[in-house]
Protein backbone atom coordinates (compact mmCIF):
# COMPACT_ATOMS: atom_id res chain seq x y z
CA MET A 1 10.87 9.63 20.60
CA LYS A 2 9.15 6.50 19.35
CA ASN A 3 6.38 8.43 17.57
CA GLU A 4 8.94 10.58 15.76
CA GLN A 5 10.97 7.77 14.26
CA ILE A 6 12.05 8.16 10.63
CA VAL A 7 10.43 5.58 8.35
CA LEU A 8 11.55 4.91 4.77
CA SER A 9 8.77 3.11 2.92
CA ILE A 10 9.23 1.29 -0.39
CA GLU A 11 6.45 -0.01 -2.66
CA THR A 12 7.51 -1.73 -5.87
CA ALA A 13 4.80 -4.35 -6.41
CA VAL A 14 2.40 -2.06 -8.29
CA ARG A 15 3.32 -0.33 -11.56
CA GLY A 16 6.28 2.06 -11.27
CA GLY A 17 6.27 1.96 -7.49
CA SER A 18 6.41 4.69 -4.89
CA ILE A 19 8.60 5.81 -1.99
CA SER A 20 7.51 7.63 1.15
CA LEU A 21 9.57 9.28 3.84
CA LEU A 22 7.75 9.66 7.16
CA LYS A 23 8.53 11.19 10.53
CA GLY A 24 6.19 9.61 13.02
CA GLU A 25 2.83 9.51 11.24
CA ARG A 26 3.56 12.62 9.15
CA GLU A 27 4.72 12.17 5.58
CA ILE A 28 7.75 14.37 4.94
CA ASP A 29 7.98 13.74 1.20
CA PHE A 30 7.26 11.10 -1.43
CA TRP A 31 8.08 9.95 -4.97
CA LEU A 32 5.85 8.26 -7.54
CA GLY A 33 7.25 6.10 -10.34
CA THR A 34 5.99 6.78 -13.86
CA ASN A 35 7.09 3.54 -15.53
CA LYS A 36 4.82 0.53 -15.93
CA VAL A 37 7.16 -1.55 -13.74
CA SER A 38 9.56 -0.69 -10.91
CA LYS A 39 13.30 -0.59 -11.57
CA ALA A 40 15.85 -1.06 -8.81
CA GLU A 41 18.12 1.70 -10.11
CA ASP A 42 15.24 4.21 -10.15
CA ILE A 43 14.20 3.34 -6.60
CA LEU A 44 17.74 3.65 -5.21
CA GLU A 45 18.33 6.94 -7.01
CA GLN A 46 15.05 8.42 -5.79
CA ILE A 47 15.68 7.31 -2.20
CA SER A 48 18.95 9.27 -2.29
CA VAL A 49 17.16 12.28 -3.81
CA LEU A 50 14.41 12.23 -1.16
CA LEU A 51 16.89 11.98 1.71
CA ALA A 52 19.11 14.76 0.36
CA LYS A 53 16.17 17.04 -0.47
CA ASN A 54 14.78 16.72 3.05
CA LYS A 55 18.17 16.81 4.82
CA VAL A 56 17.75 13.33 6.30
CA GLU A 57 20.92 11.32 6.81
CA LYS A 58 20.79 7.58 6.10
CA HIS A 59 21.81 6.75 9.66
CA GLN A 60 18.70 8.59 10.92
CA ILE A 61 16.38 5.99 9.39
CA ASP A 62 14.84 3.87 12.15
CA LEU A 63 12.60 1.58 10.10
CA ILE A 64 12.33 0.44 6.50
CA THR A 65 8.93 -0.81 5.38
CA VAL A 66 8.25 -2.66 2.14
CA SER A 67 5.32 -4.24 0.35
CA HIS A 68 5.29 -8.04 -0.10
CA GLY A 69 2.45 -7.81 -2.60
CA PRO A 70 0.22 -8.72 -4.20
CA GLY A 71 1.43 -7.30 -7.47
CA SER A 72 4.23 -7.88 -9.95
CA MET A 73 6.44 -10.75 -8.76
CA THR A 74 9.48 -9.02 -10.27
CA GLY A 75 8.58 -5.80 -8.47
CA ILE A 76 8.05 -7.62 -5.18
CA ARG A 77 11.47 -9.28 -5.44
CA ILE A 78 13.11 -5.94 -6.25
CA GLY A 79 11.50 -4.18 -3.29
CA ILE A 80 12.28 -6.87 -0.74
CA ALA A 81 15.88 -7.23 -1.97
CA LEU A 82 16.39 -3.45 -1.74
CA ALA A 83 14.84 -3.29 1.73
CA LYS A 84 17.00 -6.17 3.00
CA GLY A 85 20.13 -4.57 1.56
CA LEU A 86 19.35 -1.20 3.12
CA LYS A 87 18.48 -2.82 6.46
CA LYS A 88 21.88 -4.51 6.54
CA SER A 89 23.88 -1.48 5.43
CA LEU A 90 22.05 0.98 7.71
CA ASP A 91 21.66 -1.42 10.64
CA CYS A 92 18.01 -0.52 11.12
CA LEU A 93 14.70 -2.36 11.48
CA MET A 94 12.64 -3.69 8.56
CA LYS A 95 8.99 -4.67 8.24
CA SER A 96 7.17 -6.11 5.21
CA VAL A 97 3.38 -5.82 4.90
CA SER A 98 0.56 -6.53 2.46
CA VAL A 99 -0.37 -3.64 0.19
CA LEU A 100 -4.02 -4.73 0.53
CA ASP A 101 -3.78 -4.40 4.31
CA ALA A 102 -2.17 -0.99 3.84
CA LEU A 103 -5.08 0.18 1.67
CA HIS A 104 -7.45 -1.17 4.31
CA LEU A 105 -5.72 1.11 6.84
CA LYS A 106 -6.35 4.09 4.54
CA ALA A 107 -10.05 3.19 4.42
CA LYS A 108 -10.23 2.94 8.22
CA PHE A 109 -8.79 6.48 8.39
CA GLU A 110 -11.23 7.88 5.85
CA SER A 111 -14.48 5.91 6.19
CA SER A 112 -16.75 4.46 8.88
CA GLU A 113 -18.14 1.72 6.63
CA ASN A 114 -18.08 -1.82 8.07
CA THR A 115 -17.24 -3.61 4.82
CA ILE A 116 -14.00 -2.62 3.10
CA ILE A 117 -12.63 -4.07 -0.14
CA SER A 118 -9.07 -3.23 -1.20
CA ALA A 119 -7.73 -3.84 -4.70
CA VAL A 120 -4.53 -3.43 -6.74
CA PRO A 121 -3.50 -4.55 -10.24
CA VAL A 122 -1.38 -7.71 -10.42
CA ASN A 123 -0.85 -7.63 -14.17
CA SER A 124 -2.71 -6.41 -17.27
CA SER A 125 -5.59 -8.84 -16.78
CA HIS A 126 -5.70 -9.77 -13.08
CA ILE A 127 -6.51 -7.95 -9.84
CA GLY A 128 -5.45 -8.73 -6.27
CA TRP A 129 -8.22 -7.93 -3.79
CA GLN A 130 -9.44 -8.68 -0.28
CA ILE A 131 -12.64 -8.20 1.74
CA TYR A 132 -12.50 -6.91 5.34
CA LYS A 133 -15.57 -6.93 7.58
CA SER A 134 -16.25 -5.49 11.03
CA VAL A 135 -19.25 -4.92 13.29
CA GLY A 136 -19.10 -1.86 15.51
CA LEU A 137 -15.97 -2.04 17.66
CA VAL A 138 -15.37 -5.74 16.98
CA LYS A 139 -11.95 -6.36 15.46
CA ASN A 140 -11.94 -6.86 11.69
CA SER A 141 -12.23 -10.37 10.33
CA THR A 142 -10.81 -10.86 6.86
CA GLU A 143 -11.45 -13.23 4.01
CA PRO A 144 -8.35 -14.63 2.27
CA PRO A 145 -6.84 -12.45 -0.48
CA ASN A 146 -8.01 -13.17 -4.01
CA CYS A 147 -6.49 -12.91 -7.47
CA SER A 148 -8.95 -12.87 -10.36
CA THR A 149 -9.77 -11.32 -13.72
CA LYS A 150 -11.37 -7.90 -13.82
CA GLU A 151 -14.66 -9.45 -14.87
CA ILE A 152 -14.77 -11.78 -11.85
CA PHE A 153 -13.74 -8.92 -9.56
CA ILE A 154 -16.60 -6.73 -10.78
CA SER A 155 -19.10 -9.59 -10.40
CA GLU A 156 -17.92 -10.09 -6.80
CA LEU A 157 -18.41 -6.38 -6.09
CA LYS A 158 -21.95 -6.57 -7.40
CA ALA A 159 -22.67 -9.35 -4.90
CA GLN A 160 -21.85 -6.99 -2.00
CA ARG A 161 -24.54 -4.68 -0.62
CA LYS A 162 -22.77 -1.64 0.82
CA PHE A 163 -19.03 -1.15 1.11
CA VAL A 164 -16.07 1.13 0.63
CA LEU A 165 -13.66 0.23 -2.16
CA VAL A 166 -10.10 1.44 -1.62
CA ILE A 167 -8.26 0.94 -4.87
CA GLN A 168 -4.99 1.78 -6.60
CA GLN A 169 -5.50 4.90 -8.72
CA HIS A 170 -4.61 3.52 -12.18
CA LEU A 171 -6.80 0.47 -11.63
CA TYR A 172 -9.67 2.75 -10.60
CA GLU A 173 -9.27 4.71 -13.84
CA GLN A 174 -9.49 1.47 -15.84
CA LEU A 175 -12.63 0.30 -14.03
CA ILE A 176 -14.43 3.59 -13.40
CA ASP A 177 -17.27 2.99 -15.88
CA LEU A 178 -17.90 -0.53 -14.58
CA LEU A 179 -17.78 0.67 -10.98
CA LYS A 180 -20.36 3.36 -11.64
CA ASN A 181 -22.77 0.93 -13.26
CA GLY A 182 -25.64 0.74 -10.76
CA LYS A 183 -23.41 1.12 -7.69
CA GLN A 184 -23.53 4.86 -6.98
CA SER A 185 -25.75 4.50 -3.91
CA THR A 186 -23.94 1.55 -2.32
CA ILE A 187 -20.25 2.07 -3.01
CA GLN A 188 -17.80 4.63 -1.68
CA THR A 189 -14.58 4.63 -3.68
CA LEU A 190 -11.21 5.79 -2.32
CA PRO A 191 -8.54 5.83 -5.06
CA GLU A 192 -4.88 6.00 -3.96
CA ILE A 193 -1.69 6.39 -5.96
CA ASN A 194 0.87 6.90 -3.15
CA LEU A 195 0.79 3.33 -1.80
CA ALA A 196 4.15 3.71 -0.03
CA ARG A 197 2.66 6.15 2.48
CA TRP A 198 0.19 3.55 3.73
CA ILE A 199 2.79 0.78 3.60
CA GLY A 200 4.90 2.96 5.90
CA LEU A 201 2.10 3.75 8.33
CA LEU A 202 0.98 0.11 8.54
CA GLY A 203 4.53 -1.22 8.91
CA LYS A 204 5.21 1.28 11.70
CA LYS A 205 1.95 0.35 13.45
CA GLU A 206 2.55 -3.41 13.22
CA ARG A 207 6.16 -3.03 14.35
CA GLU A 208 5.12 -1.06 17.43
CA GLU A 209 2.39 -3.56 18.29
CA SER A 210 4.83 -6.47 18.00
CA VAL A 211 7.12 -5.04 20.70
CA LYS A 212 4.42 -4.11 23.23
């Protein structure tokens, strides 16, 4: 069944990365990297562990999803190279998506706010972020993605009136004091550490829409 397809999702652009194994829209299992950067050998090893632990054979994978950033350029290259290699060896489909768009999907699941801002760390001093706006049932219009220092990012947040901020967990922990400064009544914050889950759900959704 289309809704029960097995999706292997890989996110290596942000910190130590994450892997998610989904069946339809249900996450079967996941792994979170603990290093500051993703390593190809760790990702491959943990993919094998996840599959074996959950009794999923490689040939059962229908779709591989992967983040194309923003984030570490080295991590992005690692993830895309791994996804392409697995796609070829397993003869399955592959879809790459923006991690900012994936976080936006999480916010749409968990909030009814019309303005959504997603953010992830790019390096020790810069943040990748994007603003999404909607009015009622009108389809979201998006501003181009941005990359700026933390100080500029915070100043841009202060210029917004009411919004939900969906943000990578470690970045949230770094900015928590600044985010609380005068924004308690206007900001809803949704931290997320398992980015691969949302990469998988968005990649699956976009893949299905492309073949309709």
